[in-house]
Amino acid sequence: MAQKSIKGPRPKHIPQRTCIACRTTEAKRSLMRIVRDQHGRVAYDSTNKRAGRGAYLCHSPECWEKALKRRGLERALRIDTLNAEDVAALQKIADTLTEDDMEKDS
């Protein structure tokens, strides 16, 4: 006869994602999502629910700078180049980040 094992409730699954710049793996909700929509436009996805191909970045200004300079976003989003408007919008977001944001998420 099979014996039932007594176990507690299974822990809730927390989706993990990797920052495309520093390659650290964290909970999906603690990273910032950049999305390429069906029209090829790239934007910050504050809700983490927009349709399209996504890439994740830490709240660290260094990660944003690295992703923008080393074509990390282009590779992750599978596009040839970011247009100037998208780069300007993403750079504006990156400029608002501080080290305090990074420490708050840790």
Foldseek 3Di string as FASTA:
>chain_A
DDDDDDDDDDDDDFDWAAALQPRDIDGPLQWWKWFQDPVRAIDTDPPVDDDGQIHTHHLDLVSLVRCQPVVSVCVRRVHDDHDPVRSVRSVVSSVVGDVVSRVVSD
